[in-house]
Amino acid sequence: MKKSNKILAVLEVSSPIKSPNLFGFLIGESVSFFGSWMTQIALVWLVYQLTNSPMLVGVAGFSNQAMGLVITPLVGVLLDRWNLRYVLLTTQIVSIFLSSLLTFLTVSNQINFIDIMIIGTLQGIG
């Protein structure tokens, strides 16, 4: 095989990627990941704006990540027994609700550090 043909063979799209279901999942997961990332950044930034304390920023960032670290091995065993479609839908709906709650509390000037910690911890679980 010529060198140029080998390069083109590597660049060809494999058949699973052509699947509309997989393509939809990849697009949805990408949007979800981007939204989760933005929420995590917003939580930490909001903590710094409210408290002006680098230590509380670290506590908020840790609480957001730690719950996922603790709960993932425990729930991972149970996920094999549950319907993954409903689990994904439930976690995404809860995440949307928590992000909306964070937005509402921030816009209405009713947000405080405890609210941010609770929302961050629940976001970390999902």
C-alpha atoms as a PDB file:
ATOM      1  CA  MET A   1       0.000   0.000   0.000  1.00  0.00           C
ATOM      2  CA  LYS A   2       1.321   3.412  -0.889  1.00  0.00           C
ATOM      3  CA  LYS A   3       2.077   5.881   1.850  1.00  0.00           C
ATOM      4  CA  SER A   4      -0.662   8.301   0.723  1.00  0.00           C
ATOM      5  CA  ASN A   5      -3.259   5.496   0.737  1.00  0.00           C
ATOM      6  CA  LYS A   6      -2.287   4.540   4.302  1.00  0.00           C
ATOM      7  CA  ILE A   7      -2.854   8.102   5.468  1.00  0.00           C
ATOM      8  CA  LEU A   8      -6.260   8.231   3.768  1.00  0.00           C
ATOM      9  CA  ALA A   9      -7.231   4.874   5.275  1.00  0.00           C
ATOM     10  CA  VAL A  10      -6.564   6.217   8.771  1.00  0.00           C
ATOM     11  CA  LEU A  11      -8.659   9.327   8.108  1.00  0.00           C
ATOM     12  CA  GLU A  12     -11.713   7.382   6.915  1.00  0.00           C
ATOM     13  CA  VAL A  13     -14.662   7.389   9.286  1.00  0.00           C
ATOM     14  CA  SER A  14     -15.431   3.973  10.710  1.00  0.00           C
ATOM     15  CA  SER A  15     -18.962   2.572  10.483  1.00  0.00           C
ATOM     16  CA  PRO A  16     -19.951   2.979  14.184  1.00  0.00           C
ATOM     17  CA  ILE A  17     -19.307   6.731  13.988  1.00  0.00           C
ATOM     18  CA  LYS A  18     -21.725   6.933  11.045  1.00  0.00           C
ATOM     19  CA  SER A  19     -24.575   5.706  13.257  1.00  0.00           C
ATOM     20  CA  PRO A  20     -27.166   8.456  13.891  1.00  0.00           C
ATOM     21  CA  ASN A  21     -27.742   7.210  17.441  1.00  0.00           C
ATOM     22  CA  LEU A  22     -24.063   7.411  18.339  1.00  0.00           C
ATOM     23  CA  PHE A  23     -23.727  10.788  16.624  1.00  0.00           C
ATOM     24  CA  GLY A  24     -26.695  12.145  18.617  1.00  0.00           C
ATOM     25  CA  PHE A  25     -25.258  10.759  21.826  1.00  0.00           C
ATOM     26  CA  LEU A  26     -21.847  12.311  21.161  1.00  0.00           C
ATOM     27  CA  ILE A  27     -23.348  15.727  20.402  1.00  0.00           C
ATOM     28  CA  GLY A  28     -25.614  15.603  23.469  1.00  0.00           C
ATOM     29  CA  GLU A  29     -22.816  14.437  25.740  1.00  0.00           C
ATOM     30  CA  SER A  30     -20.530  17.183  24.427  1.00  0.00           C
ATOM     31  CA  VAL A  31     -23.122  19.868  25.147  1.00  0.00           C
ATOM     32  CA  SER A  32     -23.780  18.376  28.588  1.00  0.00           C
ATOM     33  CA  PHE A  33     -20.073  18.227  29.424  1.00  0.00           C
ATOM     34  CA  PHE A  34     -19.586  21.836  28.332  1.00  0.00           C
ATOM     35  CA  GLY A  35     -22.548  22.929  30.487  1.00  0.00           C
ATOM     36  CA  SER A  36     -21.249  21.041  33.511  1.00  0.00           C
ATOM     37  CA  TRP A  37     -17.822  22.564  33.068  1.00  0.00           C
ATOM     38  CA  MET A  38     -19.280  26.069  32.832  1.00  0.00           C
ATOM     39  CA  THR A  39     -21.357  25.470  35.984  1.00  0.00           C
ATOM     40  CA  GLN A  40     -18.279  24.333  37.918  1.00  0.00           C
ATOM     41  CA  ILE A  41     -16.357  27.426  36.846  1.00  0.00           C
ATOM     42  CA  ALA A  42     -19.337  29.647  37.711  1.00  0.00           C
ATOM     43  CA  LEU A  43     -19.646  28.111  41.178  1.00  0.00           C
ATOM     44  CA  VAL A  44     -16.001  28.707  42.018  1.00  0.00           C
ATOM     45  CA  TRP A  45     -16.045  32.203  40.549  1.00  0.00           C
ATOM     46  CA  LEU A  46     -19.221  33.058  42.439  1.00  0.00           C
ATOM     47  CA  VAL A  47     -17.709  31.847  45.719  1.00  0.00           C
ATOM     48  CA  TYR A  48     -14.727  34.118  45.166  1.00  0.00           C
ATOM     49  CA  GLN A  49     -16.958  37.077  44.289  1.00  0.00           C
ATOM     50  CA  LEU A  50     -19.070  36.570  47.430  1.00  0.00           C
ATOM     51  CA  THR A  51     -16.393  35.710  49.980  1.00  0.00           C
ATOM     52  CA  ASN A  52     -13.128  36.991  48.492  1.00  0.00           C
ATOM     53  CA  SER A  53     -11.508  33.986  50.177  1.00  0.00           C
ATOM     54  CA  PRO A  54      -9.165  31.662  48.270  1.00  0.00           C
ATOM     55  CA  MET A  55      -9.640  29.006  50.960  1.00  0.00           C
ATOM     56  CA  LEU A  56     -13.421  28.908  50.468  1.00  0.00           C
ATOM     57  CA  VAL A  57     -12.870  28.713  46.706  1.00  0.00           C
ATOM     58  CA  GLY A  58     -10.794  25.597  47.321  1.00  0.00           C
ATOM     59  CA  VAL A  59     -13.436  24.143  49.637  1.00  0.00           C
ATOM     60  CA  ALA A  60     -16.171  24.769  47.036  1.00  0.00           C
ATOM     61  CA  GLY A  61     -14.103  23.237  44.237  1.00  0.00           C
ATOM     62  CA  PHE A  62     -13.244  20.221  46.360  1.00  0.00           C
ATOM     63  CA  SER A  63     -16.837  19.599  47.432  1.00  0.00           C
ATOM     64  CA  ASN A  64     -17.948  19.690  43.813  1.00  0.00           C
ATOM     65  CA  GLN A  65     -15.416  17.031  42.806  1.00  0.00           C
ATOM     66  CA  ALA A  66     -15.237  14.937  45.977  1.00  0.00           C
ATOM     67  CA  MET A  67     -18.818  13.683  45.904  1.00  0.00           C
ATOM     68  CA  GLY A  68     -18.313  12.278  42.432  1.00  0.00           C
ATOM     69  CA  LEU A  69     -15.112  10.620  43.574  1.00  0.00           C
ATOM     70  CA  VAL A  70     -16.821   9.022  46.575  1.00  0.00           C
ATOM     71  CA  ILE A  71     -20.115   8.006  45.005  1.00  0.00           C
ATOM     72  CA  THR A  72     -18.926   6.787  41.581  1.00  0.00           C
ATOM     73  CA  PRO A  73     -17.474   3.436  42.756  1.00  0.00           C
ATOM     74  CA  LEU A  74     -20.556   2.756  44.871  1.00  0.00           C
ATOM     75  CA  VAL A  75     -23.126   3.578  42.208  1.00  0.00           C
ATOM     76  CA  GLY A  76     -21.055   2.021  39.428  1.00  0.00           C
ATOM     77  CA  VAL A  77     -21.940  -1.435  40.716  1.00  0.00           C
ATOM     78  CA  LEU A  78     -25.651  -0.613  40.740  1.00  0.00           C
ATOM     79  CA  LEU A  79     -25.668   0.938  37.259  1.00  0.00           C
ATOM     80  CA  ASP A  80     -25.324  -2.493  35.686  1.00  0.00           C
ATOM     81  CA  ARG A  81     -28.757  -3.354  37.104  1.00  0.00           C
ATOM     82  CA  TRP A  82     -30.516  -0.094  36.174  1.00  0.00           C
ATOM     83  CA  ASN A  83     -31.831   1.158  32.860  1.00  0.00           C
ATOM     84  CA  LEU A  84     -29.058   3.473  31.671  1.00  0.00           C
ATOM     85  CA  ARG A  85     -31.413   5.572  29.538  1.00  0.00           C
ATOM     86  CA  TYR A  86     -33.471   6.563  32.579  1.00  0.00           C
ATOM     87  CA  VAL A  87     -30.361   7.131  34.681  1.00  0.00           C
ATOM     88  CA  LEU A  88     -28.925   9.493  32.052  1.00  0.00           C
ATOM     89  CA  LEU A  89     -32.227  11.334  31.656  1.00  0.00           C
ATOM     90  CA  THR A  90     -32.656  11.686  35.412  1.00  0.00           C
ATOM     91  CA  THR A  91     -29.135  12.972  36.021  1.00  0.00           C
ATOM     92  CA  GLN A  92     -29.405  15.450  33.160  1.00  0.00           C
ATOM     93  CA  ILE A  93     -32.779  16.768  34.348  1.00  0.00           C
ATOM     94  CA  VAL A  94     -31.461  17.163  37.897  1.00  0.00           C
ATOM     95  CA  SER A  95     -28.394  18.968  36.555  1.00  0.00           C
ATOM     96  CA  ILE A  96     -30.585  21.332  34.521  1.00  0.00           C
ATOM     97  CA  PHE A  97     -32.710  22.021  37.600  1.00  0.00           C
ATOM     98  CA  LEU A  98     -29.667  22.737  39.785  1.00  0.00           C
ATOM     99  CA  SER A  99     -28.123  25.052  37.201  1.00  0.00           C
ATOM    100  CA  SER A 100     -31.442  26.871  36.839  1.00  0.00           C
ATOM    101  CA  LEU A 101     -31.702  27.190  40.620  1.00  0.00           C
ATOM    102  CA  LEU A 102     -28.174  28.610  40.766  1.00  0.00           C
ATOM    103  CA  THR A 103     -29.072  31.107  38.041  1.00  0.00           C
ATOM    104  CA  PHE A 104     -32.303  32.153  39.748  1.00  0.00           C
ATOM    105  CA  LEU A 105     -30.661  32.622  43.152  1.00  0.00           C
ATOM    106  CA  THR A 106     -27.788  34.592  41.638  1.00  0.00           C
ATOM    107  CA  VAL A 107     -29.975  36.893  39.543  1.00  0.00           C
ATOM    108  CA  SER A 108     -32.321  37.572  42.469  1.00  0.00           C
ATOM    109  CA  ASN A 109     -29.347  38.338  44.794  1.00  0.00           C
ATOM    110  CA  GLN A 110     -30.382  35.620  47.245  1.00  0.00           C
ATOM    111  CA  ILE A 111     -27.305  33.422  46.813  1.00  0.00           C
ATOM    112  CA  ASN A 112     -24.955  32.681  49.684  1.00  0.00           C
ATOM    113  CA  PHE A 113     -22.015  30.369  50.314  1.00  0.00           C
ATOM    114  CA  ILE A 114     -24.116  27.583  51.845  1.00  0.00           C
ATOM    115  CA  ASP A 115     -26.426  27.515  48.803  1.00  0.00           C
ATOM    116  CA  ILE A 116     -23.422  27.292  46.520  1.00  0.00           C
ATOM    117  CA  MET A 117     -21.975  24.411  48.544  1.00  0.00           C
ATOM    118  CA  ILE A 118     -25.257  22.483  48.441  1.00  0.00           C
ATOM    119  CA  ILE A 119     -25.722  23.017  44.711  1.00  0.00           C
ATOM    120  CA  GLY A 120     -22.072  22.169  44.039  1.00  0.00           C
ATOM    121  CA  THR A 121     -22.243  18.983  46.075  1.00  0.00           C
ATOM    122  CA  LEU A 122     -25.433  17.861  44.345  1.00  0.00           C
ATOM    123  CA  GLN A 123     -23.931  18.730  40.950  1.00  0.00           C
ATOM    124  CA  GLY A 124     -20.913  16.600  41.865  1.00  0.00           C
ATOM    125  CA  ILE A 125     -23.143  13.615  42.568  1.00  0.00           C
ATOM    126  CA  GLY A 126     -24.801  13.838  39.147  1.00  0.00           C
END
